[in-house]
């Protein structure tokens, strides 16, 4: 019986192989289907780059002589659009830039992620 099933010239052999492939693909699809919906957004966020400053950039900011030089240095390093005349205004401006980045990410994300972003917005506001 086993020799009959494993004979490549028998049509049952090919049905058996097809069933094994279909089951394998189904199992793999279920395992990776969760990650597939995030492939585009992950690639886009990776292309944007790290939003945090590296040590070299921090040293340049520390060496700033006044607040205008600080703002100019920060804007030139990470393409921020920071403005303000005191630390509170700068902080608010940084938070607004963060929200803008999150909005871009939300726009490119799956609609299933809207609840996550809404809860996150509530948490940061």
PDB file of N, CA and C in Angstrom:
ATOM      1  N   UNK A   1       0.818  -1.198   0.000  1.00  0.00           N
ATOM      2  CA  UNK A   1       0.000   0.000   0.000  1.00  0.00           C
ATOM      3  C   UNK A   1       0.866   1.268   0.000  1.00  0.00           C
ATOM      4  N   UNK A   2       1.912   1.289   0.834  1.00  0.00           N
ATOM      5  CA  UNK A   2       2.791   2.451   0.906  1.00  0.00           C
ATOM      6  C   UNK A   2       3.555   2.640  -0.401  1.00  0.00           C
ATOM      7  N   UNK A   3       3.963   1.526  -1.023  1.00  0.00           N
ATOM      8  CA  UNK A   3       4.665   1.627  -2.308  1.00  0.00           C
ATOM      9  C   UNK A   3       3.745   2.195  -3.386  1.00  0.00           C
ATOM     10  N   UNK A   4       2.481   1.864  -3.294  1.00  0.00           N
ATOM     11  CA  UNK A   4       1.499   2.372  -4.247  1.00  0.00           C
ATOM     12  C   UNK A   4       1.325   3.884  -4.098  1.00  0.00           C
ATOM     13  N   UNK A   5       1.299   4.383  -2.857  1.00  0.00           N
ATOM     14  CA  UNK A   5       1.135   5.808  -2.597  1.00  0.00           C
ATOM     15  C   UNK A   5       2.365   6.622  -2.968  1.00  0.00           C
ATOM     16  N   UNK A   6       3.546   6.032  -2.786  1.00  0.00           N
ATOM     17  CA  UNK A   6       4.789   6.767  -3.028  1.00  0.00           C
ATOM     18  C   UNK A   6       5.350   6.571  -4.434  1.00  0.00           C
ATOM     19  N   UNK A   7       4.606   5.966  -5.303  1.00  0.00           N
ATOM     20  CA  UNK A   7       5.021   5.784  -6.689  1.00  0.00           C
ATOM     21  C   UNK A   7       4.776   7.084  -7.457  1.00  0.00           C
ATOM     22  N   UNK A   8       5.844   7.746  -7.984  1.00  0.00           N
ATOM     23  CA  UNK A   8       5.671   9.028  -8.662  1.00  0.00           C
ATOM     24  C   UNK A   8       4.845   8.946  -9.948  1.00  0.00           C
ATOM     25  N   UNK A   9       4.618   7.761 -10.457  1.00  0.00           N
ATOM     26  CA  UNK A   9       3.822   7.620 -11.666  1.00  0.00           C
ATOM     27  C   UNK A   9       2.338   7.441 -11.357  1.00  0.00           C
ATOM     28  N   UNK A  10       2.007   7.465 -10.106  1.00  0.00           N
ATOM     29  CA  UNK A  10       0.628   7.298  -9.681  1.00  0.00           C
ATOM     30  C   UNK A  10       0.027   8.675  -9.379  1.00  0.00           C
ATOM     31  N   UNK A  11      -1.204   8.901  -9.781  1.00  0.00           N
ATOM     32  CA  UNK A  11      -1.833  10.195  -9.551  1.00  0.00           C
ATOM     33  C   UNK A  11      -2.084  10.454  -8.063  1.00  0.00           C
ATOM     34  N   UNK A  12      -2.254   9.447  -7.254  1.00  0.00           N
ATOM     35  CA  UNK A  12      -2.448   9.625  -5.818  1.00  0.00           C
ATOM     36  C   UNK A  12      -1.206  10.225  -5.145  1.00  0.00           C
ATOM     37  N   UNK A  13      -0.038   9.895  -5.671  1.00  0.00           N
ATOM     38  CA  UNK A  13       1.209  10.455  -5.151  1.00  0.00           C
ATOM     39  C   UNK A  13       1.195  11.983  -5.288  1.00  0.00           C
ATOM     40  N   UNK A  14       0.777  12.477  -6.449  1.00  0.00           N
ATOM     41  CA  UNK A  14       0.762  13.910  -6.706  1.00  0.00           C
ATOM     42  C   UNK A  14      -0.340  14.605  -5.902  1.00  0.00           C
ATOM     43  N   UNK A  15      -1.439  13.928  -5.678  1.00  0.00           N
ATOM     44  CA  UNK A  15      -2.479  14.478  -4.805  1.00  0.00           C
ATOM     45  C   UNK A  15      -1.938  14.580  -3.376  1.00  0.00           C
ATOM     46  N   UNK A  16      -1.239  13.558  -2.937  1.00  0.00           N
ATOM     47  CA  UNK A  16      -0.643  13.535  -1.602  1.00  0.00           C
ATOM     48  C   UNK A  16       0.376  14.669  -1.443  1.00  0.00           C
ATOM     49  N   UNK A  17       1.245  14.848  -2.430  1.00  0.00           N
ATOM     50  CA  UNK A  17       2.244  15.916  -2.406  1.00  0.00           C
ATOM     51  C   UNK A  17       1.551  17.281  -2.428  1.00  0.00           C
ATOM     52  N   UNK A  18       0.513  17.429  -3.253  1.00  0.00           N
ATOM     53  CA  UNK A  18      -0.220  18.699  -3.318  1.00  0.00           C
ATOM     54  C   UNK A  18      -0.865  19.031  -1.980  1.00  0.00           C
ATOM     55  N   UNK A  19      -1.446  18.033  -1.325  1.00  0.00           N
ATOM     56  CA  UNK A  19      -2.044  18.264  -0.016  1.00  0.00           C
ATOM     57  C   UNK A  19      -1.004  18.704   1.010  1.00  0.00           C
ATOM     58  N   UNK A  20       0.157  18.096   0.989  1.00  0.00           N
ATOM     59  CA  UNK A  20       1.235  18.475   1.905  1.00  0.00           C
ATOM     60  C   UNK A  20       1.654  19.920   1.649  1.00  0.00           C
ATOM     61  N   UNK A  21       1.788  20.300   0.386  1.00  0.00           N
ATOM     62  CA  UNK A  21       2.163  21.678   0.046  1.00  0.00           C
ATOM     63  C   UNK A  21       1.085  22.672   0.461  1.00  0.00           C
ATOM     64  N   UNK A  22      -0.162  22.341   0.241  1.00  0.00           N
ATOM     65  CA  UNK A  22      -1.256  23.250   0.608  1.00  0.00           C
ATOM     66  C   UNK A  22      -1.307  23.441   2.117  1.00  0.00           C
ATOM     67  N   UNK A  23      -1.166  22.364   2.862  1.00  0.00           N
ATOM     68  CA  UNK A  23      -1.174  22.463   4.326  1.00  0.00           C
ATOM     69  C   UNK A  23       0.023  23.270   4.807  1.00  0.00           C
ATOM     70  N   UNK A  24       1.183  23.043   4.227  1.00  0.00           N
ATOM     71  CA  UNK A  24       2.393  23.786   4.625  1.00  0.00           C
ATOM     72  C   UNK A  24       2.243  25.276   4.328  1.00  0.00           C
ATOM     73  N   UNK A  25       1.764  25.608   3.155  1.00  0.00           N
ATOM     74  CA  UNK A  25       1.583  27.010   2.783  1.00  0.00           C
ATOM     75  C   UNK A  25       0.546  27.675   3.684  1.00  0.00           C
ATOM     76  N   UNK A  26      -0.523  26.962   4.001  1.00  0.00           N
ATOM     77  CA  UNK A  26      -1.556  27.507   4.889  1.00  0.00           C
ATOM     78  C   UNK A  26      -0.991  27.791   6.270  1.00  0.00           C
ATOM     79  N   UNK A  27      -0.219  26.892   6.806  1.00  0.00           N
ATOM     80  CA  UNK A  27       0.385  27.093   8.128  1.00  0.00           C
ATOM     81  C   UNK A  27       1.350  28.269   8.104  1.00  0.00           C
ATOM     82  N   UNK A  28       2.183  28.343   7.074  1.00  0.00           N
ATOM     83  CA  UNK A  28       3.122  29.463   6.965  1.00  0.00           C
ATOM     84  C   UNK A  28       2.387  30.783   6.751  1.00  0.00           C
ATOM     85  N   UNK A  29       1.329  30.777   5.961  1.00  0.00           N
ATOM     86  CA  UNK A  29       0.575  31.998   5.708  1.00  0.00           C
ATOM     87  C   UNK A  29      -0.032  32.529   6.997  1.00  0.00           C
ATOM     88  N   UNK A  30      -0.607  31.639   7.797  1.00  0.00           N
ATOM     89  CA  UNK A  30      -1.194  32.071   9.069  1.00  0.00           C
ATOM     90  C   UNK A  30      -0.128  32.644   9.996  1.00  0.00           C
ATOM     91  N   UNK A  31       1.057  32.075   9.968  1.00  0.00           N
ATOM     92  CA  UNK A  31       2.132  32.552  10.841  1.00  0.00           C
ATOM     93  C   UNK A  31       2.645  33.928  10.419  1.00  0.00           C
ATOM     94  N   UNK A  32       2.710  34.189   9.122  1.00  0.00           N
ATOM     95  CA  UNK A  32       3.302  35.435   8.639  1.00  0.00           C
ATOM     96  C   UNK A  32       2.287  36.497   8.222  1.00  0.00           C
ATOM     97  N   UNK A  33       1.025  36.160   8.162  1.00  0.00           N
ATOM     98  CA  UNK A  33       0.026  37.132   7.699  1.00  0.00           C
ATOM     99  C   UNK A  33      -0.077  38.334   8.634  1.00  0.00           C
ATOM    100  N   UNK A  34       0.206  38.145   9.905  1.00  0.00           N
ATOM    101  CA  UNK A  34       0.178  39.258  10.850  1.00  0.00           C
ATOM    102  C   UNK A  34       1.275  40.262  10.508  1.00  0.00           C
ATOM    103  N   UNK A  35       2.442  39.778  10.131  1.00  0.00           N
ATOM    104  CA  UNK A  35       3.579  40.651   9.865  1.00  0.00           C
ATOM    105  C   UNK A  35       3.526  41.305   8.490  1.00  0.00           C
ATOM    106  N   UNK A  36       2.839  40.683   7.551  1.00  0.00           N
ATOM    107  CA  UNK A  36       2.794  41.207   6.188  1.00  0.00           C
ATOM    108  C   UNK A  36       2.130  42.573   6.140  1.00  0.00           C
ATOM    109  N   UNK A  37       1.097  42.780   6.956  1.00  0.00           N
ATOM    110  CA  UNK A  37       0.395  44.055   6.917  1.00  0.00           C
ATOM    111  C   UNK A  37       1.242  45.216   7.439  1.00  0.00           C
ATOM    112  N   UNK A  38       2.344  44.914   8.133  1.00  0.00           N
ATOM    113  CA  UNK A  38       3.211  45.962   8.662  1.00  0.00           C
ATOM    114  C   UNK A  38       4.485  46.145   7.844  1.00  0.00           C
ATOM    115  N   UNK A  39       4.649  45.404   6.773  1.00  0.00           N
ATOM    116  CA  UNK A  39       5.893  45.471   6.002  1.00  0.00           C
ATOM    117  C   UNK A  39       6.113  46.848   5.401  1.00  0.00           C
ATOM    118  N   UNK A  40       5.092  47.430   4.790  1.00  0.00           N
ATOM    119  CA  UNK A  40       5.248  48.734   4.141  1.00  0.00           C
ATOM    120  C   UNK A  40       5.535  49.834   5.161  1.00  0.00           C
ATOM    121  N   UNK A  41       4.755  49.871   6.229  1.00  0.00           N
ATOM    122  CA  UNK A  41       4.934  50.934   7.211  1.00  0.00           C
ATOM    123  C   UNK A  41       6.279  50.813   7.915  1.00  0.00           C
ATOM    124  N   UNK A  42       6.722  49.592   8.178  1.00  0.00           N
ATOM    125  CA  UNK A  42       8.043  49.413   8.794  1.00  0.00           C
ATOM    126  C   UNK A  42       9.147  49.918   7.878  1.00  0.00           C
ATOM    127  N   UNK A  43       9.037  49.627   6.594  1.00  0.00           N
ATOM    128  CA  UNK A  43      10.045  50.099   5.642  1.00  0.00           C
ATOM    129  C   UNK A  43      10.041  51.622   5.567  1.00  0.00           C
ATOM    130  N   UNK A  44       8.865  52.220   5.594  1.00  0.00           N
ATOM    131  CA  UNK A  44       8.781  53.677   5.511  1.00  0.00           C
ATOM    132  C   UNK A  44       9.359  54.342   6.755  1.00  0.00           C
ATOM    133  N   UNK A  45       9.042  53.800   7.927  1.00  0.00           N
ATOM    134  CA  UNK A  45       9.577  54.365   9.166  1.00  0.00           C
ATOM    135  C   UNK A  45      11.088  54.184   9.219  1.00  0.00           C
ATOM    136  N   UNK A  46      11.590  53.047   8.757  1.00  0.00           N
ATOM    137  CA  UNK A  46      13.036  52.834   8.707  1.00  0.00           C
ATOM    138  C   UNK A  46      13.704  53.828   7.764  1.00  0.00           C
ATOM    139  N   UNK A  47      13.024  54.162   6.668  1.00  0.00           N
ATOM    140  CA  UNK A  47      13.600  55.121   5.716  1.00  0.00           C
ATOM    141  C   UNK A  47      13.671  56.523   6.311  1.00  0.00           C
ATOM    142  N   UNK A  48      12.720  56.855   7.192  1.00  0.00           N
ATOM    143  CA  UNK A  48      12.749  58.159   7.849  1.00  0.00           C
ATOM    144  C   UNK A  48      13.987  58.264   8.721  1.00  0.00           C
ATOM    145  N   UNK A  49      14.320  57.188   9.376  1.00  0.00           N
ATOM    146  CA  UNK A  49      15.517  57.175  10.217  1.00  0.00           C
ATOM    147  C   UNK A  49      15.179  57.349  11.675  1.00  0.00           C
ATOM    148  N   UNK A  50      16.202  57.319  12.466  1.00  0.00           N
ATOM    149  CA  UNK A  50      16.059  57.432  13.910  1.00  0.00           C
ATOM    150  C   UNK A  50      15.705  58.864  14.281  1.00  0.00           C
ATOM    151  N   UNK A  51      14.580  59.064  14.989  1.00  0.00           N
ATOM    152  CA  UNK A  51      14.191  60.437  15.317  1.00  0.00           C
ATOM    153  C   UNK A  51      14.990  61.039  16.469  1.00  0.00           C
ATOM    154  N   UNK A  52      15.792  60.225  17.111  1.00  0.00           N
ATOM    155  CA  UNK A  52      16.527  60.708  18.269  1.00  0.00           C
ATOM    156  C   UNK A  52      17.915  61.176  17.848  1.00  0.00           C
ATOM    157  N   UNK A  53      18.446  62.074  18.603  1.00  0.00           N
ATOM    158  CA  UNK A  53      19.749  62.643  18.296  1.00  0.00           C
ATOM    159  C   UNK A  53      20.855  61.724  18.795  1.00  0.00           C
ATOM    160  N   UNK A  54      21.937  61.685  18.057  1.00  0.00           N
ATOM    161  CA  UNK A  54      23.087  60.900  18.486  1.00  0.00           C
ATOM    162  C   UNK A  54      23.979  61.781  19.370  1.00  0.00           C
ATOM    163  N   UNK A  55      24.975  61.177  19.968  1.00  0.00           N
ATOM    164  CA  UNK A  55      25.823  61.891  20.927  1.00  0.00           C
ATOM    165  C   UNK A  55      26.504  63.109  20.292  1.00  0.00           C
ATOM    166  N   UNK A  56      26.941  62.983  19.055  1.00  0.00           N
ATOM    167  CA  UNK A  56      27.605  64.099  18.368  1.00  0.00           C
ATOM    168  C   UNK A  56      26.657  65.298  18.254  1.00  0.00           C
ATOM    169  N   UNK A  57      25.394  65.020  17.891  1.00  0.00           N
ATOM    170  CA  UNK A  57      24.406  66.094  17.780  1.00  0.00           C
ATOM    171  C   UNK A  57      24.117  66.718  19.139  1.00  0.00           C
ATOM    172  N   UNK A  58      24.053  65.892  20.161  1.00  0.00           N
ATOM    173  CA  UNK A  58      23.808  66.422  21.506  1.00  0.00           C
ATOM    174  C   UNK A  58      24.945  67.333  21.953  1.00  0.00           C
ATOM    175  N   UNK A  59      26.175  66.957  21.623  1.00  0.00           N
ATOM    176  CA  UNK A  59      27.321  67.804  21.981  1.00  0.00           C
ATOM    177  C   UNK A  59      27.241  69.161  21.278  1.00  0.00           C
ATOM    178  N   UNK A  60      26.804  69.184  20.021  1.00  0.00           N
ATOM    179  CA  UNK A  60      26.628  70.458  19.317  1.00  0.00           C
ATOM    180  C   UNK A  60      25.542  71.307  19.976  1.00  0.00           C
ATOM    181  N   UNK A  61      24.477  70.652  20.417  1.00  0.00           N
ATOM    182  CA  UNK A  61      23.404  71.395  21.085  1.00  0.00           C
ATOM    183  C   UNK A  61      23.860  71.947  22.431  1.00  0.00           C
ATOM    184  N   UNK A  62      24.647  71.173  23.151  1.00  0.00           N
ATOM    185  CA  UNK A  62      25.147  71.611  24.458  1.00  0.00           C
ATOM    186  C   UNK A  62      26.056  72.822  24.298  1.00  0.00           C
ATOM    187  N   UNK A  63      26.823  72.861  23.213  1.00  0.00           N
ATOM    188  CA  UNK A  63      27.757  73.953  22.988  1.00  0.00           C
ATOM    189  C   UNK A  63      27.090  75.216  22.438  1.00  0.00           C
ATOM    190  N   UNK A  64      25.785  75.183  22.239  1.00  0.00           N
ATOM    191  CA  UNK A  64      25.073  76.367  21.734  1.00  0.00           C
ATOM    192  C   UNK A  64      25.213  77.520  22.718  1.00  0.00           C
ATOM    193  N   UNK A  65      25.436  78.716  22.185  1.00  0.00           N
ATOM    194  CA  UNK A  65      25.646  79.908  23.009  1.00  0.00           C
ATOM    195  C   UNK A  65      24.340  80.557  23.459  1.00  0.00           C
ATOM    196  N   UNK A  66      23.303  80.470  22.588  1.00  0.00           N
ATOM    197  CA  UNK A  66      22.016  81.064  22.938  1.00  0.00           C
ATOM    198  C   UNK A  66      20.884  80.208  22.382  1.00  0.00           C
ATOM    199  N   UNK A  67      19.673  80.617  22.649  1.00  0.00           N
ATOM    200  CA  UNK A  67      18.523  79.801  22.269  1.00  0.00           C
ATOM    201  C   UNK A  67      18.321  79.764  20.757  1.00  0.00           C
ATOM    202  N   UNK A  68      18.648  80.844  20.075  1.00  0.00           N
ATOM    203  CA  UNK A  68      18.522  80.864  18.610  1.00  0.00           C
ATOM    204  C   UNK A  68      19.507  79.908  17.954  1.00  0.00           C
ATOM    205  N   UNK A  69      20.722  79.871  18.461  1.00  0.00           N
ATOM    206  CA  UNK A  69      21.712  78.925  17.936  1.00  0.00           C
ATOM    207  C   UNK A  69      21.278  77.492  18.218  1.00  0.00           C
ATOM    208  N   UNK A  70      20.697  77.272  19.388  1.00  0.00           N
ATOM    209  CA  UNK A  70      20.179  75.948  19.756  1.00  0.00           C
ATOM    210  C   UNK A  70      19.100  75.503  18.769  1.00  0.00           C
ATOM    211  N   UNK A  71      18.172  76.397  18.482  1.00  0.00           N
ATOM    212  CA  UNK A  71      17.076  76.075  17.552  1.00  0.00           C
ATOM    213  C   UNK A  71      17.606  75.836  16.149  1.00  0.00           C
ATOM    214  N   UNK A  72      18.525  76.672  15.687  1.00  0.00           N
ATOM    215  CA  UNK A  72      19.105  76.493  14.350  1.00  0.00           C
ATOM    216  C   UNK A  72      19.851  75.171  14.238  1.00  0.00           C
ATOM    217  N   UNK A  73      20.605  74.819  15.272  1.00  0.00           N
ATOM    218  CA  UNK A  73      21.348  73.558  15.262  1.00  0.00           C
ATOM    219  C   UNK A  73      20.393  72.376  15.240  1.00  0.00           C
ATOM    220  N   UNK A  74      19.356  72.433  16.032  1.00  0.00           N
ATOM    221  CA  UNK A  74      18.383  71.345  16.085  1.00  0.00           C
ATOM    222  C   UNK A  74      17.640  71.208  14.764  1.00  0.00           C
ATOM    223  N   UNK A  75      17.223  72.305  14.184  1.00  0.00           N
ATOM    224  CA  UNK A  75      16.510  72.258  12.906  1.00  0.00           C
ATOM    225  C   UNK A  75      17.387  71.720  11.781  1.00  0.00           C
ATOM    226  N   UNK A  76      18.664  72.033  11.795  1.00  0.00           N
ATOM    227  CA  UNK A  76      19.542  71.572  10.723  1.00  0.00           C
ATOM    228  C   UNK A  76      19.914  70.100  10.874  1.00  0.00           C
ATOM    229  N   UNK A  77      19.908  69.576  12.080  1.00  0.00           N
ATOM    230  CA  UNK A  77      20.333  68.191  12.291  1.00  0.00           C
ATOM    231  C   UNK A  77      19.284  67.161  11.913  1.00  0.00           C
ATOM    232  N   UNK A  78      18.047  67.372  12.285  1.00  0.00           N
ATOM    233  CA  UNK A  78      17.034  66.347  12.078  1.00  0.00           C
ATOM    234  C   UNK A  78      15.824  66.816  11.284  1.00  0.00           C
ATOM    235  N   UNK A  79      15.963  67.875  10.527  1.00  0.00           N
ATOM    236  CA  UNK A  79      14.865  68.412   9.718  1.00  0.00           C
ATOM    237  C   UNK A  79      13.623  68.723  10.543  1.00  0.00           C
ATOM    238  N   UNK A  80      13.843  69.151  11.768  1.00  0.00           N
ATOM    239  CA  UNK A  80      12.737  69.606  12.589  1.00  0.00           C
ATOM    240  C   UNK A  80      12.324  70.995  12.120  1.00  0.00           C
ATOM    241  N   UNK A  81      11.172  71.410  12.550  1.00  0.00           N
ATOM    242  CA  UNK A  81      10.722  72.771  12.308  1.00  0.00           C
ATOM    243  C   UNK A  81      10.393  73.375  13.667  1.00  0.00           C
ATOM    244  N   UNK A  82      11.424  73.572  14.460  1.00  0.00           N
ATOM    245  CA  UNK A  82      11.274  74.020  15.839  1.00  0.00           C
ATOM    246  C   UNK A  82      11.346  75.544  15.884  1.00  0.00           C
ATOM    247  N   UNK A  83      10.465  76.120  16.690  1.00  0.00           N
ATOM    248  CA  UNK A  83      10.550  77.557  16.938  1.00  0.00           C
ATOM    249  C   UNK A  83      10.140  77.817  18.381  1.00  0.00           C
ATOM    250  N   UNK A  84      10.396  79.009  18.838  1.00  0.00           N
ATOM    251  CA  UNK A  84      10.058  79.379  20.209  1.00  0.00           C
ATOM    252  C   UNK A  84      11.093  80.322  20.782  1.00  0.00           C
ATOM    253  N   UNK A  85      10.701  80.992  21.852  1.00  0.00           N
ATOM    254  CA  UNK A  85      11.591  81.948  22.500  1.00  0.00           C
ATOM    255  C   UNK A  85      12.046  81.503  23.877  1.00  0.00           C
ATOM    256  N   UNK A  86      11.425  80.442  24.382  1.00  0.00           N
ATOM    257  CA  UNK A  86      11.839  79.921  25.681  1.00  0.00           C
ATOM    258  C   UNK A  86      11.719  78.403  25.666  1.00  0.00           C
ATOM    259  N   UNK A  87      12.148  77.789  26.750  1.00  0.00           N
ATOM    260  CA  UNK A  87      12.190  76.329  26.777  1.00  0.00           C
ATOM    261  C   UNK A  87      10.804  75.699  26.676  1.00  0.00           C
ATOM    262  N   UNK A  88       9.793  76.335  27.238  1.00  0.00           N
ATOM    263  CA  UNK A  88       8.440  75.796  27.171  1.00  0.00           C
ATOM    264  C   UNK A  88       7.922  75.790  25.733  1.00  0.00           C
ATOM    265  N   UNK A  89       8.130  76.870  24.993  1.00  0.00           N
ATOM    266  CA  UNK A  89       7.700  76.945  23.597  1.00  0.00           C
ATOM    267  C   UNK A  89       8.450  75.939  22.729  1.00  0.00           C
ATOM    268  N   UNK A  90       9.739  75.757  22.996  1.00  0.00           N
ATOM    269  CA  UNK A  90      10.531  74.771  22.250  1.00  0.00           C
ATOM    270  C   UNK A  90      10.022  73.373  22.538  1.00  0.00           C
ATOM    271  N   UNK A  91       9.714  73.104  23.792  1.00  0.00           N
ATOM    272  CA  UNK A  91       9.193  71.793  24.172  1.00  0.00           C
ATOM    273  C   UNK A  91       7.862  71.515  23.473  1.00  0.00           C
ATOM    274  N   UNK A  92       6.985  72.493  23.442  1.00  0.00           N
ATOM    275  CA  UNK A  92       5.701  72.339  22.753  1.00  0.00           C
ATOM    276  C   UNK A  92       5.915  72.116  21.262  1.00  0.00           C
ATOM    277  N   UNK A  93       6.858  72.824  20.680  1.00  0.00           N
ATOM    278  CA  UNK A  93       7.164  72.675  19.265  1.00  0.00           C
ATOM    279  C   UNK A  93       7.718  71.270  18.961  1.00  0.00           C
ATOM    280  N   UNK A  94       8.567  70.747  19.837  1.00  0.00           N
ATOM    281  CA  UNK A  94       9.078  69.383  19.670  1.00  0.00           C
ATOM    282  C   UNK A  94       7.946  68.365  19.768  1.00  0.00           C
ATOM    283  N   UNK A  95       7.042  68.574  20.718  1.00  0.00           N
ATOM    284  CA  UNK A  95       5.897  67.678  20.841  1.00  0.00           C
ATOM    285  C   UNK A  95       5.020  67.720  19.597  1.00  0.00           C
ATOM    286  N   UNK A  96       4.824  68.905  19.040  1.00  0.00           N
ATOM    287  CA  UNK A  96       4.026  69.034  17.819  1.00  0.00           C
ATOM    288  C   UNK A  96       4.685  68.310  16.648  1.00  0.00           C
ATOM    289  N   UNK A  97       6.010  68.388  16.544  1.00  0.00           N
ATOM    290  CA  UNK A  97       6.715  67.655  15.490  1.00  0.00           C
ATOM    291  C   UNK A  97       6.559  66.154  15.662  1.00  0.00           C
ATOM    292  N   UNK A  98       6.563  65.710  16.900  1.00  0.00           N
ATOM    293  CA  UNK A  98       6.364  64.279  17.187  1.00  0.00           C
ATOM    294  C   UNK A  98       4.967  63.845  16.757  1.00  0.00           C
ATOM    295  N   UNK A  99       3.970  64.647  17.043  1.00  0.00           N
ATOM    296  CA  UNK A  99       2.595  64.326  16.651  1.00  0.00           C
ATOM    297  C   UNK A  99       2.461  64.324  15.124  1.00  0.00           C
ATOM    298  N   UNK A 100       3.123  65.237  14.450  1.00  0.00           N
ATOM    299  CA  UNK A 100       3.103  65.253  12.979  1.00  0.00           C
ATOM    300  C   UNK A 100       3.686  63.961  12.421  1.00  0.00           C
ATOM    301  N   UNK A 101       4.786  63.505  12.994  1.00  0.00           N
ATOM    302  CA  UNK A 101       5.392  62.244  12.564  1.00  0.00           C
ATOM    303  C   UNK A 101       4.446  61.077  12.818  1.00  0.00           C
ATOM    304  N   UNK A 102       3.791  61.082  13.980  1.00  0.00           N
ATOM    305  CA  UNK A 102       2.822  60.028  14.276  1.00  0.00           C
ATOM    306  C   UNK A 102       1.641  60.059  13.310  1.00  0.00           C
ATOM    307  N   UNK A 103       1.194  61.250  12.935  1.00  0.00           N
ATOM    308  CA  UNK A 103       0.089  61.355  11.979  1.00  0.00           C
ATOM    309  C   UNK A 103       0.471  60.779  10.626  1.00  0.00           C
ATOM    310  N   UNK A 104       1.704  61.018  10.193  1.00  0.00           N
ATOM    311  CA  UNK A 104       2.173  60.437   8.935  1.00  0.00           C
ATOM    312  C   UNK A 104       2.198  58.917   9.031  1.00  0.00           C
ATOM    313  N   UNK A 105       2.649  58.421  10.167  1.00  0.00           N
ATOM    314  CA  UNK A 105       2.692  56.976  10.362  1.00  0.00           C
ATOM    315  C   UNK A 105       1.283  56.399  10.408  1.00  0.00           C
ATOM    316  N   UNK A 106       0.372  57.085  11.072  1.00  0.00           N
ATOM    317  CA  UNK A 106      -1.017  56.616  11.150  1.00  0.00           C
ATOM    318  C   UNK A 106      -1.643  56.573   9.766  1.00  0.00           C
ATOM    319  N   UNK A 107      -1.372  57.587   8.949  1.00  0.00           N
ATOM    320  CA  UNK A 107      -1.941  57.656   7.606  1.00  0.00           C
ATOM    321  C   UNK A 107      -1.477  56.472   6.749  1.00  0.00           C
ATOM    322  N   UNK A 108      -0.235  56.054   6.936  1.00  0.00           N
ATOM    323  CA  UNK A 108       0.305  54.958   6.141  1.00  0.00           C
ATOM    324  C   UNK A 108       0.007  53.584   6.732  1.00  0.00           C
ATOM    325  N   UNK A 109      -0.474  53.547   7.959  1.00  0.00           N
ATOM    326  CA  UNK A 109      -0.736  52.272   8.622  1.00  0.00           C
ATOM    327  C   UNK A 109      -2.084  51.704   8.216  1.00  0.00           C
ATOM    328  N   UNK A 110      -2.260  50.463   8.581  1.00  0.00           N
ATOM    329  CA  UNK A 110      -3.528  49.780   8.358  1.00  0.00           C
ATOM    330  C   UNK A 110      -4.622  50.436   9.199  1.00  0.00           C
ATOM    331  N   UNK A 111      -5.850  50.382   8.725  1.00  0.00           N
ATOM    332  CA  UNK A 111      -6.978  50.958   9.460  1.00  0.00           C
ATOM    333  C   UNK A 111      -7.186  50.246  10.795  1.00  0.00           C
ATOM    334  N   UNK A 112      -6.727  49.027  10.910  1.00  0.00           N
ATOM    335  CA  UNK A 112      -6.840  48.276  12.162  1.00  0.00           C
ATOM    336  C   UNK A 112      -6.006  48.911  13.268  1.00  0.00           C
ATOM    337  N   UNK A 113      -5.012  49.718  12.888  1.00  0.00           N
ATOM    338  CA  UNK A 113      -4.129  50.348  13.863  1.00  0.00           C
ATOM    339  C   UNK A 113      -4.677  51.672  14.396  1.00  0.00           C
ATOM    340  N   UNK A 114      -5.808  52.134  13.878  1.00  0.00           N
ATOM    341  CA  UNK A 114      -6.354  53.425  14.315  1.00  0.00           C
ATOM    342  C   UNK A 114      -6.640  53.453  15.807  1.00  0.00           C
ATOM    343  N   UNK A 115      -7.160  52.361  16.352  1.00  0.00           N
ATOM    344  CA  UNK A 115      -7.427  52.315  17.794  1.00  0.00           C
ATOM    345  C   UNK A 115      -6.146  52.498  18.591  1.00  0.00           C
ATOM    346  N   UNK A 116      -5.074  51.870  18.137  1.00  0.00           N
ATOM    347  CA  UNK A 116      -3.782  52.023  18.820  1.00  0.00           C
ATOM    348  C   UNK A 116      -3.351  53.488  18.830  1.00  0.00           C
ATOM    349  N   UNK A 117      -3.407  54.128  17.671  1.00  0.00           N
ATOM    350  CA  UNK A 117      -2.981  55.525  17.591  1.00  0.00           C
ATOM    351  C   UNK A 117      -3.877  56.433  18.428  1.00  0.00           C
ATOM    352  N   UNK A 118      -5.182  56.172  18.425  1.00  0.00           N
ATOM    353  CA  UNK A 118      -6.088  56.993  19.229  1.00  0.00           C
ATOM    354  C   UNK A 118      -5.773  56.870  20.715  1.00  0.00           C
ATOM    355  N   UNK A 119      -5.524  55.666  21.173  1.00  0.00           N
ATOM    356  CA  UNK A 119      -5.157  55.467  22.578  1.00  0.00           C
ATOM    357  C   UNK A 119      -3.814  56.117  22.869  1.00  0.00           C
ATOM    358  N   UNK A 120      -2.877  56.020  21.938  1.00  0.00           N
ATOM    359  CA  UNK A 120      -1.562  56.630  22.126  1.00  0.00           C
ATOM    360  C   UNK A 120      -1.673  58.150  22.191  1.00  0.00           C
ATOM    361  N   UNK A 121      -2.521  58.735  21.332  1.00  0.00           N
ATOM    362  CA  UNK A 121      -2.729  60.187  21.371  1.00  0.00           C
ATOM    363  C   UNK A 121      -3.304  60.620  22.718  1.00  0.00           C
ATOM    364  N   UNK A 122      -4.250  59.845  23.232  1.00  0.00           N
ATOM    365  CA  UNK A 122      -4.815  60.157  24.549  1.00  0.00           C
ATOM    366  C   UNK A 122      -3.741  60.102  25.635  1.00  0.00           C
ATOM    367  N   UNK A 123      -2.852  59.139  25.508  1.00  0.00           N
ATOM    368  CA  UNK A 123      -1.805  58.956  26.512  1.00  0.00           C
ATOM    369  C   UNK A 123      -0.811  60.130  26.508  1.00  0.00           C
ATOM    370  N   UNK A 124      -0.461  60.634  25.328  1.00  0.00           N
ATOM    371  CA  UNK A 124       0.545  61.691  25.268  1.00  0.00           C
ATOM    372  C   UNK A 124      -0.042  63.080  25.442  1.00  0.00           C
ATOM    373  N   UNK A 125      -1.365  63.206  25.376  1.00  0.00           N
ATOM    374  CA  UNK A 125      -1.940  64.556  25.531  1.00  0.00           C
ATOM    375  C   UNK A 125      -2.409  64.823  26.946  1.00  0.00           C
TER     376      UNK A 125
END
